[in-house]
Amino acid sequence: MAIQLSLRPLSGAIGAEITNPPDFTTLTADDATAFEHALAAHGVLVMHTDSLDPAQHRAFASIFGEFNTPGLIASLADDGYPEIGVISTDNGLAAYSHEWHADVT
């Protein structure tokens, strides 16, 4: 049985907040379908959650398809997560944030 997402529209045209974010470590194929339907219906989804660790981040992102590695930017490859890119002031890549976009995944 898929999770029941509670959605609050953010505007009249686009976007919804998921007010009951799931446990990202236990997502199923049915849960993926629920997210895909919500995304298709609203175009943009927003969730306010505690920080996701890399494993949770990868588990959630994987429901939308296969990964492409970030390429030329730093990643968490040394920690076992090559598909998670890092743009940060800590690694000196913040200046590239204006060039980054999410259609690589």
C-alpha atoms as a PDB file:
ATOM      1  CA  MET A   1       0.000   0.000   0.000  1.00  0.00           C
ATOM      2  CA  ALA A   2       1.380   3.391  -1.021  1.00  0.00           C
ATOM      3  CA  ILE A   3       1.922   6.218   1.387  1.00  0.00           C
ATOM      4  CA  GLN A   4      -0.832   8.798   1.536  1.00  0.00           C
ATOM      5  CA  LEU A   5       0.762  12.162   0.815  1.00  0.00           C
ATOM      6  CA  SER A   6      -0.912  15.149   2.401  1.00  0.00           C
ATOM      7  CA  LEU A   7      -0.594  18.030  -0.073  1.00  0.00           C
ATOM      8  CA  ARG A   8      -1.178  21.738   0.495  1.00  0.00           C
ATOM      9  CA  PRO A   9      -1.282  23.808  -2.722  1.00  0.00           C
ATOM     10  CA  LEU A  10       1.231  26.671  -2.715  1.00  0.00           C
ATOM     11  CA  SER A  11      -0.429  28.803  -5.396  1.00  0.00           C
ATOM     12  CA  GLY A  12      -3.234  28.703  -7.894  1.00  0.00           C
ATOM     13  CA  ALA A  13      -0.975  27.578 -10.733  1.00  0.00           C
ATOM     14  CA  ILE A  14       1.927  25.462  -9.507  1.00  0.00           C
ATOM     15  CA  GLY A  15       3.446  23.793  -6.481  1.00  0.00           C
ATOM     16  CA  ALA A  16       2.370  21.877  -3.394  1.00  0.00           C
ATOM     17  CA  GLU A  17       3.854  21.281   0.023  1.00  0.00           C
ATOM     18  CA  ILE A  18       3.982  17.720   1.284  1.00  0.00           C
ATOM     19  CA  THR A  19       2.974  18.237   4.893  1.00  0.00           C
ATOM     20  CA  ASN A  20       3.690  14.668   5.989  1.00  0.00           C
ATOM     21  CA  PRO A  21       7.139  13.732   4.610  1.00  0.00           C
ATOM     22  CA  PRO A  22       7.728   9.971   4.719  1.00  0.00           C
ATOM     23  CA  ASP A  23      10.500   7.884   6.179  1.00  0.00           C
ATOM     24  CA  PHE A  24      12.851   8.085   3.228  1.00  0.00           C
ATOM     25  CA  THR A  25      14.579   4.790   4.075  1.00  0.00           C
ATOM     26  CA  THR A  26      11.485   2.633   3.521  1.00  0.00           C
ATOM     27  CA  LEU A  27      10.087   3.897   0.209  1.00  0.00           C
ATOM     28  CA  THR A  28       8.440   1.330  -2.058  1.00  0.00           C
ATOM     29  CA  ALA A  29       7.539   1.263  -5.745  1.00  0.00           C
ATOM     30  CA  ASP A  30       3.983   2.226  -4.756  1.00  0.00           C
ATOM     31  CA  ASP A  31       5.369   5.203  -2.827  1.00  0.00           C
ATOM     32  CA  ALA A  32       7.285   6.247  -5.930  1.00  0.00           C
ATOM     33  CA  THR A  33       4.025   6.241  -7.876  1.00  0.00           C
ATOM     34  CA  ALA A  34       2.407   8.472  -5.237  1.00  0.00           C
ATOM     35  CA  PHE A  35       5.272  10.987  -5.554  1.00  0.00           C
ATOM     36  CA  GLU A  36       5.187  10.826  -9.353  1.00  0.00           C
ATOM     37  CA  HIS A  37       1.445  11.547  -9.381  1.00  0.00           C
ATOM     38  CA  ALA A  38       1.864  14.441  -6.941  1.00  0.00           C
ATOM     39  CA  LEU A  39       4.690  15.883  -9.028  1.00  0.00           C
ATOM     40  CA  ALA A  40       2.694  15.509 -12.252  1.00  0.00           C
ATOM     41  CA  ALA A  41      -0.324  17.198 -10.674  1.00  0.00           C
ATOM     42  CA  HIS A  42       1.537  20.126  -9.098  1.00  0.00           C
ATOM     43  CA  GLY A  43       4.773  20.547 -11.071  1.00  0.00           C
ATOM     44  CA  VAL A  44       6.825  21.355  -7.958  1.00  0.00           C
ATOM     45  CA  LEU A  45       6.883  19.612  -4.580  1.00  0.00           C
ATOM     46  CA  VAL A  46       8.247  21.133  -1.375  1.00  0.00           C
ATOM     47  CA  MET A  47       9.001  19.196   1.804  1.00  0.00           C
ATOM     48  CA  HIS A  48      10.225  20.635   5.069  1.00  0.00           C
ATOM     49  CA  THR A  49      12.227  17.871   6.695  1.00  0.00           C
ATOM     50  CA  ASP A  50      15.137  17.399   8.985  1.00  0.00           C
ATOM     51  CA  SER A  51      18.391  17.000   7.153  1.00  0.00           C
ATOM     52  CA  LEU A  52      18.546  13.913   4.958  1.00  0.00           C
ATOM     53  CA  ASP A  53      21.666  11.817   5.239  1.00  0.00           C
ATOM     54  CA  PRO A  54      23.235  10.686   1.931  1.00  0.00           C
ATOM     55  CA  ALA A  55      21.567   7.261   2.050  1.00  0.00           C
ATOM     56  CA  GLN A  56      18.115   8.818   2.537  1.00  0.00           C
ATOM     57  CA  HIS A  57      18.810  11.388  -0.179  1.00  0.00           C
ATOM     58  CA  ARG A  58      19.821   8.635  -2.625  1.00  0.00           C
ATOM     59  CA  ALA A  59      16.825   6.461  -1.684  1.00  0.00           C
ATOM     60  CA  PHE A  60      14.394   9.310  -2.315  1.00  0.00           C
ATOM     61  CA  ALA A  61      16.032  10.512  -5.536  1.00  0.00           C
ATOM     62  CA  SER A  62      16.150   6.962  -6.919  1.00  0.00           C
ATOM     63  CA  ILE A  63      12.349   6.764  -7.122  1.00  0.00           C
ATOM     64  CA  PHE A  64      12.527   9.218 -10.031  1.00  0.00           C
ATOM     65  CA  GLY A  65      14.900   7.105 -12.123  1.00  0.00           C
ATOM     66  CA  GLU A  66      18.528   6.233 -12.681  1.00  0.00           C
ATOM     67  CA  PHE A  67      21.327   8.592 -11.666  1.00  0.00           C
ATOM     68  CA  ASN A  68      23.838  10.444 -13.750  1.00  0.00           C
ATOM     69  CA  THR A  69      27.000  11.239 -11.852  1.00  0.00           C
ATOM     70  CA  PRO A  70      27.669  14.950 -11.331  1.00  0.00           C
ATOM     71  CA  GLY A  71      30.740  15.009 -13.559  1.00  0.00           C
ATOM     72  CA  LEU A  72      33.116  17.888 -12.973  1.00  0.00           C
ATOM     73  CA  ILE A  73      31.879  19.003  -9.568  1.00  0.00           C
ATOM     74  CA  ALA A  74      32.851  17.480  -6.241  1.00  0.00           C
ATOM     75  CA  SER A  75      30.782  14.531  -5.058  1.00  0.00           C
ATOM     76  CA  LEU A  76      30.430  12.238  -2.098  1.00  0.00           C
ATOM     77  CA  ALA A  77      32.142   9.430  -4.029  1.00  0.00           C
ATOM     78  CA  ASP A  78      34.700   8.869  -1.267  1.00  0.00           C
ATOM     79  CA  ASP A  79      31.784   8.200   1.093  1.00  0.00           C
ATOM     80  CA  GLY A  80      30.132   5.760  -1.321  1.00  0.00           C
ATOM     81  CA  TYR A  81      27.692   8.219  -2.947  1.00  0.00           C
ATOM     82  CA  PRO A  82      29.191   9.263  -6.311  1.00  0.00           C
ATOM     83  CA  GLU A  83      25.783  10.377  -7.559  1.00  0.00           C
ATOM     84  CA  ILE A  84      25.497  13.169  -4.962  1.00  0.00           C
ATOM     85  CA  GLY A  85      27.208  16.370  -6.084  1.00  0.00           C
ATOM     86  CA  VAL A  86      28.392  18.959  -3.590  1.00  0.00           C
ATOM     87  CA  ILE A  87      28.330  22.690  -4.282  1.00  0.00           C
ATOM     88  CA  SER A  88      29.421  24.382  -1.100  1.00  0.00           C
ATOM     89  CA  THR A  89      31.406  27.214   0.391  1.00  0.00           C
ATOM     90  CA  ASP A  90      33.300  24.494   2.283  1.00  0.00           C
ATOM     91  CA  ASN A  91      34.831  23.064  -0.893  1.00  0.00           C
ATOM     92  CA  GLY A  92      35.159  26.359  -2.754  1.00  0.00           C
ATOM     93  CA  LEU A  93      32.521  25.517  -5.373  1.00  0.00           C
ATOM     94  CA  ALA A  94      29.839  27.966  -4.248  1.00  0.00           C
ATOM     95  CA  ALA A  95      30.842  30.299  -7.088  1.00  0.00           C
ATOM     96  CA  TYR A  96      29.549  27.638  -9.519  1.00  0.00           C
ATOM     97  CA  SER A  97      26.078  27.509  -7.977  1.00  0.00           C
ATOM     98  CA  HIS A  98      24.757  29.937 -10.612  1.00  0.00           C
ATOM     99  CA  GLU A  99      25.778  27.439 -13.316  1.00  0.00           C
ATOM    100  CA  TRP A 100      24.329  24.349 -11.689  1.00  0.00           C
ATOM    101  CA  HIS A 101      20.994  22.919 -12.714  1.00  0.00           C
ATOM    102  CA  ALA A 102      19.150  19.749 -11.828  1.00  0.00           C
ATOM    103  CA  ASP A 103      18.416  18.169 -15.190  1.00  0.00           C
ATOM    104  CA  VAL A 104      21.461  15.896 -14.930  1.00  0.00           C
ATOM    105  CA  THR A 105      19.563  13.304 -12.879  1.00  0.00           C
END
